PDB file of N, CA and C in Angstrom:
ATOM      1  N   MET A   1      51.336   0.888  38.938  1.00  0.00           N
ATOM      2  CA  MET A   1      51.271   2.074  38.120  1.00  0.00           C
ATOM      3  C   MET A   1      50.922   3.259  39.035  1.00  0.00           C
ATOM      4  N   PRO A   2      51.711   4.324  38.966  1.00  0.00           N
ATOM      5  CA  PRO A   2      51.445   5.463  39.838  1.00  0.00           C
ATOM      6  C   PRO A   2      50.165   6.190  39.423  1.00  0.00           C
ATOM      7  N   SER A   3      49.521   6.794  40.410  1.00  0.00           N
ATOM      8  CA  SER A   3      48.276   7.515  40.116  1.00  0.00           C
ATOM      9  C   SER A   3      48.603   8.894  39.551  1.00  0.00           C
ATOM     10  N   LEU A   4      47.640   9.438  38.825  1.00  0.00           N
ATOM     11  CA  LEU A   4      47.817  10.759  38.250  1.00  0.00           C
ATOM     12  C   LEU A   4      47.424  11.819  39.266  1.00  0.00           C
ATOM     13  N   GLY A   5      48.331  12.720  39.538  1.00  0.00           N
ATOM     14  CA  GLY A   5      48.054  13.803  40.468  1.00  0.00           C
ATOM     15  C   GLY A   5      47.679  15.066  39.710  1.00  0.00           C
ATOM     16  N   ALA A   6      47.539  16.144  40.434  1.00  0.00           N
ATOM     17  CA  ALA A   6      47.158  17.429  39.839  1.00  0.00           C
ATOM     18  C   ALA A   6      48.188  17.926  38.818  1.00  0.00           C
ATOM     19  N   PRO A   7      49.479  17.855  39.089  1.00  0.00           N
ATOM     20  CA  PRO A   7      50.445  18.353  38.097  1.00  0.00           C
ATOM     21  C   PRO A   7      50.392  17.570  36.770  1.00  0.00           C
ATOM     22  N   GLU A   8      50.230  16.260  36.876  1.00  0.00           N
ATOM     23  CA  GLU A   8      50.173  15.447  35.662  1.00  0.00           C
ATOM     24  C   GLU A   8      48.920  15.765  34.857  1.00  0.00           C
ATOM     25  N   LEU A   9      47.776  15.908  35.553  1.00  0.00           N
ATOM     26  CA  LEU A   9      46.531  16.244  34.862  1.00  0.00           C
ATOM     27  C   LEU A   9      46.615  17.619  34.215  1.00  0.00           C
ATOM     28  N   LEU A  10      47.271  18.566  34.871  1.00  0.00           N
ATOM     29  CA  LEU A  10      47.451  19.902  34.308  1.00  0.00           C
ATOM     30  C   LEU A  10      48.298  19.850  33.045  1.00  0.00           C
ATOM     31  N   ILE A  11      49.352  19.076  33.061  1.00  0.00           N
ATOM     32  CA  ILE A  11      50.212  18.934  31.881  1.00  0.00           C
ATOM     33  C   ILE A  11      49.435  18.294  30.737  1.00  0.00           C
ATOM     34  N   ILE A  12      48.653  17.262  31.026  1.00  0.00           N
ATOM     35  CA  ILE A  12      47.839  16.607  29.990  1.00  0.00           C
ATOM     36  C   ILE A  12      46.838  17.592  29.407  1.00  0.00           C
ATOM     37  N   ALA A  13      46.193  18.394  30.256  1.00  0.00           N
ATOM     38  CA  ALA A  13      45.221  19.385  29.775  1.00  0.00           C
ATOM     39  C   ALA A  13      45.891  20.415  28.873  1.00  0.00           C
ATOM     40  N   ILE A  14      47.072  20.880  29.245  1.00  0.00           N
ATOM     41  CA  ILE A  14      47.797  21.859  28.424  1.00  0.00           C
ATOM     42  C   ILE A  14      48.176  21.266  27.080  1.00  0.00           C
ATOM     43  N   VAL A  15      48.616  20.027  27.067  1.00  0.00           N
ATOM     44  CA  VAL A  15      48.985  19.368  25.810  1.00  0.00           C
ATOM     45  C   VAL A  15      47.758  19.205  24.916  1.00  0.00           C
ATOM     46  N   VAL A  16      46.627  18.798  25.479  1.00  0.00           N
ATOM     47  CA  VAL A  16      45.402  18.620  24.689  1.00  0.00           C
ATOM     48  C   VAL A  16      44.952  19.955  24.100  1.00  0.00           C
ATOM     49  N   ILE A  17      44.999  21.011  24.899  1.00  0.00           N
ATOM     50  CA  ILE A  17      44.601  22.333  24.404  1.00  0.00           C
ATOM     51  C   ILE A  17      45.556  22.803  23.322  1.00  0.00           C
ATOM     52  N   ALA A  18      46.840  22.536  23.489  1.00  0.00           N
ATOM     53  CA  ALA A  18      47.829  22.948  22.486  1.00  0.00           C
ATOM     54  C   ALA A  18      47.646  22.181  21.182  1.00  0.00           C
ATOM     55  N   LEU A  19      47.310  20.899  21.283  1.00  0.00           N
ATOM     56  CA  LEU A  19      47.164  20.088  20.070  1.00  0.00           C
ATOM     57  C   LEU A  19      45.888  20.410  19.298  1.00  0.00           C
ATOM     58  N   PHE A  20      44.779  20.547  19.989  1.00  0.00           N
ATOM     59  CA  PHE A  20      43.489  20.646  19.314  1.00  0.00           C
ATOM     60  C   PHE A  20      42.916  22.054  19.284  1.00  0.00           C
ATOM     61  N   GLY A  21      43.408  22.929  20.113  1.00  0.00           N
ATOM     62  CA  GLY A  21      42.890  24.283  20.131  1.00  0.00           C
ATOM     63  C   GLY A  21      41.707  24.419  21.071  1.00  0.00           C
ATOM     64  N   TRP A  22      41.547  25.617  21.608  1.00  0.00           N
ATOM     65  CA  TRP A  22      40.522  25.888  22.600  1.00  0.00           C
ATOM     66  C   TRP A  22      39.119  25.780  22.028  1.00  0.00           C
ATOM     67  N   LYS A  23      38.943  26.213  20.769  1.00  0.00           N
ATOM     68  CA  LYS A  23      37.604  26.268  20.181  1.00  0.00           C
ATOM     69  C   LYS A  23      37.052  24.892  19.818  1.00  0.00           C
ATOM     70  N   LYS A  24      37.904  23.928  19.562  1.00  0.00           N
ATOM     71  CA  LYS A  24      37.435  22.609  19.141  1.00  0.00           C
ATOM     72  C   LYS A  24      37.120  21.675  20.298  1.00  0.00           C
ATOM     73  N   LEU A  25      37.546  22.007  21.490  1.00  0.00           N
ATOM     74  CA  LEU A  25      37.331  21.113  22.627  1.00  0.00           C
ATOM     75  C   LEU A  25      35.860  20.857  22.925  1.00  0.00           C
ATOM     76  N   PRO A  26      34.959  21.862  22.910  1.00  0.00           N
ATOM     77  CA  PRO A  26      33.542  21.552  23.168  1.00  0.00           C
ATOM     78  C   PRO A  26      32.944  20.620  22.115  1.00  0.00           C
ATOM     79  N   ASP A  27      33.322  20.806  20.847  1.00  0.00           N
ATOM     80  CA  ASP A  27      32.817  19.918  19.788  1.00  0.00           C
ATOM     81  C   ASP A  27      33.318  18.499  19.985  1.00  0.00           C
ATOM     82  N   MET A  28      34.576  18.373  20.382  1.00  0.00           N
ATOM     83  CA  MET A  28      35.133  17.040  20.610  1.00  0.00           C
ATOM     84  C   MET A  28      34.443  16.368  21.797  1.00  0.00           C
ATOM     85  N   ALA A  29      34.175  17.127  22.855  1.00  0.00           N
ATOM     86  CA  ALA A  29      33.493  16.562  24.021  1.00  0.00           C
ATOM     87  C   ALA A  29      32.072  16.143  23.655  1.00  0.00           C
ATOM     88  N   ARG A  30      31.393  16.949  22.847  1.00  0.00           N
ATOM     89  CA  ARG A  30      30.032  16.623  22.415  1.00  0.00           C
ATOM     90  C   ARG A  30      30.045  15.333  21.592  1.00  0.00           C
ATOM     91  N   SER A  31      30.998  15.216  20.666  1.00  0.00           N
ATOM     92  CA  SER A  31      31.100  14.006  19.851  1.00  0.00           C
ATOM     93  C   SER A  31      31.404  12.782  20.702  1.00  0.00           C
ATOM     94  N   LEU A  32      32.261  12.956  21.675  1.00  0.00           N
ATOM     95  CA  LEU A  32      32.594  11.847  22.568  1.00  0.00           C
ATOM     96  C   LEU A  32      31.366  11.417  23.363  1.00  0.00           C
ATOM     97  N   GLY A  33      30.572  12.376  23.823  1.00  0.00           N
ATOM     98  CA  GLY A  33      29.352  12.052  24.559  1.00  0.00           C
ATOM     99  C   GLY A  33      28.350  11.310  23.700  1.00  0.00           C
ATOM    100  N   ARG A  34      28.179  11.766  22.458  1.00  0.00           N
ATOM    101  CA  ARG A  34      27.251  11.077  21.538  1.00  0.00           C
ATOM    102  C   ARG A  34      27.716   9.655  21.270  1.00  0.00           C
ATOM    103  N   SER A  35      29.022   9.513  21.045  1.00  0.00           N
ATOM    104  CA  SER A  35      29.561   8.178  20.772  1.00  0.00           C
ATOM    105  C   SER A  35      29.352   7.250  21.961  1.00  0.00           C
ATOM    106  N   ALA A  36      29.586   7.764  23.155  1.00  0.00           N
ATOM    107  CA  ALA A  36      29.394   6.947  24.357  1.00  0.00           C
ATOM    108  C   ALA A  36      27.931   6.554  24.511  1.00  0.00           C
ATOM    109  N   ARG A  37      27.003   7.484  24.213  1.00  0.00           N
ATOM    110  CA  ARG A  37      25.576   7.181  24.323  1.00  0.00           C
ATOM    111  C   ARG A  37      25.172   6.106  23.313  1.00  0.00           C
ATOM    112  N   ILE A  38      25.667   6.224  22.083  1.00  0.00           N
ATOM    113  CA  ILE A  38      25.362   5.222  21.053  1.00  0.00           C
ATOM    114  C   ILE A  38      25.935   3.868  21.453  1.00  0.00           C
ATOM    115  N   PHE A  39      27.192   3.869  21.913  1.00  0.00           N
ATOM    116  CA  PHE A  39      27.829   2.624  22.324  1.00  0.00           C
ATOM    117  C   PHE A  39      27.038   1.963  23.452  1.00  0.00           C
ATOM    118  N   LYS A  40      26.609   2.768  24.437  1.00  0.00           N
ATOM    119  CA  LYS A  40      25.851   2.232  25.561  1.00  0.00           C
ATOM    120  C   LYS A  40      24.538   1.619  25.090  1.00  0.00           C
ATOM    121  N   SER A  41      23.839   2.304  24.168  1.00  0.00           N
ATOM    122  CA  SER A  41      22.560   1.760  23.698  1.00  0.00           C
ATOM    123  C   SER A  41      22.772   0.470  22.908  1.00  0.00           C
ATOM    124  N   GLU A  42      23.853   0.393  22.136  1.00  0.00           N
ATOM    125  CA  GLU A  42      24.130  -0.831  21.390  1.00  0.00           C
ATOM    126  C   GLU A  42      24.494  -1.975  22.322  1.00  0.00           C
ATOM    127  N   VAL A  43      25.269  -1.701  23.362  1.00  0.00           N
ATOM    128  CA  VAL A  43      25.617  -2.743  24.331  1.00  0.00           C
ATOM    129  C   VAL A  43      24.362  -3.234  25.045  1.00  0.00           C
ATOM    130  N   ASP A  44      23.463  -2.308  25.396  1.00  0.00           N
ATOM    131  CA  ASP A  44      22.205  -2.704  26.034  1.00  0.00           C
ATOM    132  C   ASP A  44      21.393  -3.615  25.124  1.00  0.00           C
ATOM    133  N   GLU A  45      21.366  -3.288  23.835  1.00  0.00           N
ATOM    134  CA  GLU A  45      20.617  -4.138  22.894  1.00  0.00           C
ATOM    135  C   GLU A  45      21.269  -5.505  22.742  1.00  0.00           C
ATOM    136  N   MET A  46      22.600  -5.536  22.775  1.00  0.00           N
ATOM    137  CA  MET A  46      23.283  -6.829  22.682  1.00  0.00           C
ATOM    138  C   MET A  46      23.006  -7.687  23.916  1.00  0.00           C
ATOM    139  N   LYS A  47      22.838  -7.035  25.069  1.00  0.00           N
ATOM    140  CA  LYS A  47      22.558  -7.771  26.300  1.00  0.00           C
ATOM    141  C   LYS A  47      21.190  -8.435  26.246  1.00  0.00           C
ATOM    142  N   LYS A  48      20.263  -7.853  25.496  1.00  0.00           N
ATOM    143  CA  LYS A  48      18.934  -8.442  25.382  1.00  0.00           C
ATOM    144  C   LYS A  48      18.984  -9.790  24.689  1.00  0.00           C
ATOM    145  N   ASP A  49      20.030  -9.990  23.886  1.00  0.00           N
ATOM    146  CA  ASP A  49      20.325 -11.284  23.276  1.00  0.00           C
ATOM    147  C   ASP A  49      19.149 -11.878  22.505  1.00  0.00           C
ATOM    148  N   GLY A  50      18.765 -11.208  21.447  1.00  0.00           N
ATOM    149  CA  GLY A  50      17.746 -11.759  20.575  1.00  0.00           C
ATOM    150  C   GLY A  50      16.343 -11.290  20.861  1.00  0.00           C
ATOM    151  N   LYS A  51      16.142 -10.560  21.926  1.00  0.00           N
ATOM    152  CA  LYS A  51      14.817 -10.020  22.196  1.00  0.00           C
ATOM    153  C   LYS A  51      14.519  -8.931  21.177  1.00  0.00           C
ATOM    154  N   PRO A  52      13.268  -8.595  20.956  1.00  0.00           N
ATOM    155  CA  PRO A  52      12.940  -7.559  19.977  1.00  0.00           C
ATOM    156  C   PRO A  52      13.676  -6.260  20.270  1.00  0.00           C
ATOM    157  N   ALA A  53      14.213  -5.671  19.229  1.00  0.00           N
ATOM    158  CA  ALA A  53      14.997  -4.449  19.378  1.00  0.00           C
ATOM    159  C   ALA A  53      14.102  -3.284  19.744  1.00  0.00           C
ATOM    160  N   SER A  54      14.598  -2.478  20.653  1.00  0.00           N
ATOM    161  CA  SER A  54      13.848  -1.285  21.024  1.00  0.00           C
ATOM    162  C   SER A  54      14.275  -0.145  20.112  1.00  0.00           C
ATOM    163  N   SER A  55      13.739   1.023  20.359  1.00  0.00           N
ATOM    164  CA  SER A  55      14.083   2.171  19.533  1.00  0.00           C
ATOM    165  C   SER A  55      15.246   2.952  20.126  1.00  0.00           C
ATOM    166  N   ALA A  56      16.071   2.333  20.953  1.00  0.00           N
ATOM    167  CA  ALA A  56      17.183   3.037  21.595  1.00  0.00           C
ATOM    168  C   ALA A  56      18.152   3.586  20.564  1.00  0.00           C
ATOM    169  N   SER A  57      18.535   2.770  19.582  1.00  0.00           N
ATOM    170  CA  SER A  57      19.468   3.242  18.567  1.00  0.00           C
ATOM    171  C   SER A  57      18.834   4.300  17.698  1.00  0.00           C
ATOM    172  N   LYS A  58      17.576   4.130  17.358  1.00  0.00           N
ATOM    173  CA  LYS A  58      16.907   5.084  16.498  1.00  0.00           C
ATOM    174  C   LYS A  58      16.698   6.406  17.217  1.00  0.00           C
ATOM    175  N   ALA A  59      16.514   6.361  18.527  1.00  0.00           N
ATOM    176  CA  ALA A  59      16.309   7.590  19.278  1.00  0.00           C
ATOM    177  C   ALA A  59      17.606   8.369  19.430  1.00  0.00           C
ATOM    178  N   THR A  60      18.722   7.661  19.459  1.00  0.00           N
ATOM    179  CA  THR A  60      19.988   8.360  19.634  1.00  0.00           C
ATOM    180  C   THR A  60      20.527   8.918  18.344  1.00  0.00           C
ATOM    181  N   VAL A  61      20.373   8.204  17.273  1.00  0.00           N
ATOM    182  CA  VAL A  61      20.905   8.638  15.987  1.00  0.00           C
ATOM    183  C   VAL A  61      19.741   8.914  15.052  1.00  0.00           C
ATOM    184  N   GLN A  62      19.559  10.169  14.720  1.00  0.00           N
ATOM    185  CA  GLN A  62      18.495  10.546  13.800  1.00  0.00           C
ATOM    186  C   GLN A  62      18.981  10.329  12.371  1.00  0.00           C
ATOM    187  N   GLY A  63      18.120   9.911  11.487  1.00  0.00           N
ATOM    188  CA  GLY A  63      18.507   9.721  10.102  1.00  0.00           C
ATOM    189  C   GLY A  63      17.409   9.053   9.317  1.00  0.00           C
ATOM    190  N   ASP A  64      17.646   8.937   8.039  1.00  0.00           N
ATOM    191  CA  ASP A  64      16.679   8.304   7.163  1.00  0.00           C
ATOM    192  C   ASP A  64      16.865   6.793   7.177  1.00  0.00           C
ATOM    193  N   VAL A  65      15.782   6.088   6.965  1.00  0.00           N
ATOM    194  CA  VAL A  65      15.840   4.645   6.827  1.00  0.00           C
ATOM    195  C   VAL A  65      16.198   4.345   5.380  1.00  0.00           C
ATOM    196  N   VAL A  66      17.198   3.515   5.186  1.00  0.00           N
ATOM    197  CA  VAL A  66      17.682   3.219   3.847  1.00  0.00           C
ATOM    198  C   VAL A  66      17.283   1.798   3.477  1.00  0.00           C
ATOM    199  N   ASP A  67      16.642   1.664   2.342  1.00  0.00           N
ATOM    200  CA  ASP A  67      16.307   0.352   1.805  1.00  0.00           C
ATOM    201  C   ASP A  67      17.569  -0.174   1.134  1.00  0.00           C
ATOM    202  N   SER A  68      18.215  -1.156   1.745  1.00  0.00           N
ATOM    203  CA  SER A  68      19.509  -1.610   1.251  1.00  0.00           C
ATOM    204  C   SER A  68      19.416  -2.218  -0.147  1.00  0.00           C
ATOM    205  N   GLU A  69      18.344  -2.908  -0.451  1.00  0.00           N
ATOM    206  CA  GLU A  69      18.184  -3.504  -1.784  1.00  0.00           C
ATOM    207  C   GLU A  69      18.037  -2.412  -2.840  1.00  0.00           C
ATOM    208  N   GLN A  70      17.224  -1.417  -2.545  1.00  0.00           N
ATOM    209  CA  GLN A  70      17.033  -0.303  -3.481  1.00  0.00           C
ATOM    210  C   GLN A  70      18.336   0.473  -3.644  1.00  0.00           C
ATOM    211  N   ALA A  71      19.047   0.710  -2.553  1.00  0.00           N
ATOM    212  CA  ALA A  71      20.314   1.429  -2.625  1.00  0.00           C
ATOM    213  C   ALA A  71      21.327   0.646  -3.456  1.00  0.00           C
ATOM    214  N   ARG A  72      21.339  -0.678  -3.289  1.00  0.00           N
ATOM    215  CA  ARG A  72      22.276  -1.507  -4.058  1.00  0.00           C
ATOM    216  C   ARG A  72      21.957  -1.444  -5.539  1.00  0.00           C
ATOM    217  N   LEU A  73      20.674  -1.520  -5.871  1.00  0.00           N
ATOM    218  CA  LEU A  73      20.274  -1.453  -7.279  1.00  0.00           C
ATOM    219  C   LEU A  73      20.628  -0.103  -7.897  1.00  0.00           C
ATOM    220  N   GLU A  74      20.402   0.978  -7.145  1.00  0.00           N
ATOM    221  CA  GLU A  74      20.758   2.303  -7.653  1.00  0.00           C
ATOM    222  C   GLU A  74      22.264   2.427  -7.849  1.00  0.00           C
ATOM    223  N   ALA A  75      23.043   1.880  -6.923  1.00  0.00           N
ATOM    224  CA  ALA A  75      24.499   1.931  -7.045  1.00  0.00           C
ATOM    225  C   ALA A  75      24.970   1.127  -8.248  1.00  0.00           C
ATOM    226  N   GLU A  76      24.358  -0.031  -8.478  1.00  0.00           N
ATOM    227  CA  GLU A  76      24.724  -0.834  -9.647  1.00  0.00           C
ATOM    228  C   GLU A  76      24.376  -0.115 -10.941  1.00  0.00           C
ATOM    229  N   ALA A  77      23.234   0.583 -10.960  1.00  0.00           N
ATOM    230  CA  ALA A  77      22.843   1.328 -12.160  1.00  0.00           C
ATOM    231  C   ALA A  77      23.822   2.470 -12.420  1.00  0.00           C
ATOM    232  N   ARG A  78      24.226   3.173 -11.357  1.00  0.00           N
ATOM    233  CA  ARG A  78      25.203   4.254 -11.527  1.00  0.00           C
ATOM    234  C   ARG A  78      26.535   3.706 -12.004  1.00  0.00           C
ATOM    235  N   ALA A  79      26.944   2.551 -11.480  1.00  0.00           N
ATOM    236  CA  ALA A  79      28.210   1.942 -11.890  1.00  0.00           C
ATOM    237  C   ALA A  79      28.151   1.513 -13.347  1.00  0.00           C
ATOM    238  N   ALA A  80      27.033   0.942 -13.777  1.00  0.00           N
ATOM    239  CA  ALA A  80      26.894   0.525 -15.171  1.00  0.00           C
ATOM    240  C   ALA A  80      26.930   1.740 -16.095  1.00  0.00           C
ATOM    241  N   GLU A  81      26.279   2.821 -15.677  1.00  0.00           N
ATOM    242  CA  GLU A  81      26.288   4.044 -16.485  1.00  0.00           C
ATOM    243  C   GLU A  81      27.701   4.615 -16.581  1.00  0.00           C
ATOM    244  N   ALA A  82      28.424   4.589 -15.483  1.00  0.00           N
ATOM    245  CA  ALA A  82      29.805   5.083 -15.488  1.00  0.00           C
ATOM    246  C   ALA A  82      30.692   4.220 -16.372  1.00  0.00           C
ATOM    247  N   GLU A  83      30.494   2.905 -16.325  1.00  0.00           N
ATOM    248  CA  GLU A  83      31.279   2.014 -17.174  1.00  0.00           C
ATOM    249  C   GLU A  83      30.979   2.260 -18.647  1.00  0.00           C
ATOM    250  N   ALA A  84      29.713   2.513 -18.986  1.00  0.00           N
ATOM    251  CA  ALA A  84      29.349   2.787 -20.374  1.00  0.00           C
ATOM    252  C   ALA A  84      29.998   4.083 -20.845  1.00  0.00           C
ATOM    253  N   LYS A  85      29.978   5.119 -20.000  1.00  0.00           N
ATOM    254  CA  LYS A  85      30.615   6.387 -20.377  1.00  0.00           C
ATOM    255  C   LYS A  85      32.122   6.209 -20.528  1.00  0.00           C
ATOM    256  N   ALA A  86      32.729   5.404 -19.654  1.00  0.00           N
ATOM    257  CA  ALA A  86      34.165   5.153 -19.754  1.00  0.00           C
ATOM    258  C   ALA A  86      34.493   4.414 -21.045  1.00  0.00           C
ATOM    259  N   ALA A  87      33.655   3.459 -21.438  1.00  0.00           N
ATOM    260  CA  ALA A  87      33.880   2.734 -22.687  1.00  0.00           C
ATOM    261  C   ALA A  87      33.753   3.675 -23.878  1.00  0.00           C
ATOM    262  N   GLU A  88      32.764   4.581 -23.839  1.00  0.00           N
ATOM    263  CA  GLU A  88      32.620   5.562 -24.914  1.00  0.00           C
ATOM    264  C   GLU A  88      33.845   6.468 -24.979  1.00  0.00           C
ATOM    265  N   ALA A  89      34.349   6.884 -23.839  1.00  0.00           N
ATOM    266  CA  ALA A  89      35.518   7.750 -23.805  1.00  0.00           C
ATOM    267  C   ALA A  89      36.743   7.031 -24.348  1.00  0.00           C
ATOM    268  N   ARG A  90      36.901   5.746 -24.011  1.00  0.00           N
ATOM    269  CA  ARG A  90      38.037   4.976 -24.547  1.00  0.00           C
ATOM    270  C   ARG A  90      37.933   4.831 -26.049  1.00  0.00           C
ATOM    271  N   ALA A  91      36.715   4.576 -26.545  1.00  0.00           N
ATOM    272  CA  ALA A  91      36.522   4.438 -27.994  1.00  0.00           C
ATOM    273  C   ALA A  91      36.828   5.758 -28.693  1.00  0.00           C
ATOM    274  N   GLU A  92      36.391   6.862 -28.124  1.00  0.00           N
ATOM    275  CA  GLU A  92      36.664   8.178 -28.707  1.00  0.00           C
ATOM    276  C   GLU A  92      38.161   8.469 -28.694  1.00  0.00           C
ATOM    277  N   ALA A  93      38.843   8.130 -27.604  1.00  0.00           N
ATOM    278  CA  ALA A  93      40.286   8.337 -27.526  1.00  0.00           C
ATOM    279  C   ALA A  93      41.009   7.493 -28.568  1.00  0.00           C
ATOM    280  N   GLU A  94      40.573   6.262 -28.740  1.00  0.00           N
ATOM    281  CA  GLU A  94      41.189   5.396 -29.755  1.00  0.00           C
ATOM    282  C   GLU A  94      40.963   5.949 -31.152  1.00  0.00           C
ATOM    283  N   ARG A  95      39.739   6.453 -31.419  1.00  0.00           N
ATOM    284  CA  ARG A  95      39.445   7.036 -32.725  1.00  0.00           C
ATOM    285  C   ARG A  95      40.323   8.256 -32.975  1.00  0.00           C
ATOM    286  N   LEU A  96      40.498   9.091 -31.973  1.00  0.00           N
ATOM    287  CA  LEU A  96      41.346  10.273 -32.125  1.00  0.00           C
ATOM    288  C   LEU A  96      42.802   9.883 -32.341  1.00  0.00           C
ATOM    289  N   ARG A  97      43.277   8.835 -31.681  1.00  0.00           N
ATOM    290  CA  ARG A  97      44.652   8.361 -31.905  1.00  0.00           C
ATOM    291  C   ARG A  97      44.841   7.881 -33.333  1.00  0.00           C
ATOM    292  N   ARG A  98      43.824   7.123 -33.822  1.00  0.00           N
ATOM    293  CA  ARG A  98      43.907   6.637 -35.197  1.00  0.00           C
ATOM    294  C   ARG A  98      43.906   7.786 -36.189  1.00  0.00           C
ATOM    295  N   ASP A  99      43.043   8.792 -35.951  1.00  0.00           N
ATOM    296  CA  ASP A  99      42.961   9.932 -36.871  1.00  0.00           C
ATOM    297  C   ASP A  99      44.229  10.762 -36.843  1.00  0.00           C
ATOM    298  N   SER A 100      44.851  10.922 -35.675  1.00  0.00           N
ATOM    299  CA  SER A 100      46.065  11.719 -35.591  1.00  0.00           C
ATOM    300  C   SER A 100      47.272  10.954 -36.162  1.00  0.00           C
ATOM    301  N   ALA A 101      47.225   9.621 -36.179  1.00  0.00           N
ATOM    302  CA  ALA A 101      48.326   8.826 -36.723  1.00  0.00           C
ATOM    303  C   ALA A 101      48.335   8.892 -38.253  1.00  0.00           C
ATOM    304  N   LEU A 102      47.211   9.177 -38.852  1.00  0.00           N
ATOM    305  CA  LEU A 102      47.144   9.226 -40.323  1.00  0.00           C
ATOM    306  C   LEU A 102      47.756  10.423 -40.848  1.00  0.00           C
TER     307      LEU A 102
END
């Protein structure tokens, strides 16, 4: 496979700038850097192979801790409420169809 020289790299840079625009390139580079840092920390944790997890992932990605059981219960409650409202709407639609047919 031939190596990439200066002309090829220049053409690639022009194509990237044309596709994504000049203003978005710093944001894309920042996102790529964050992703690489997260990936590196996860690979390091996998290399530990069962040793206690460090705070590498937590230090790289800021966010709230989510209680998965509580989140699941809340999602199920919202789904049940939505299903009840949908059933009420279907019953109302059926009642209106019956009334309009008379």
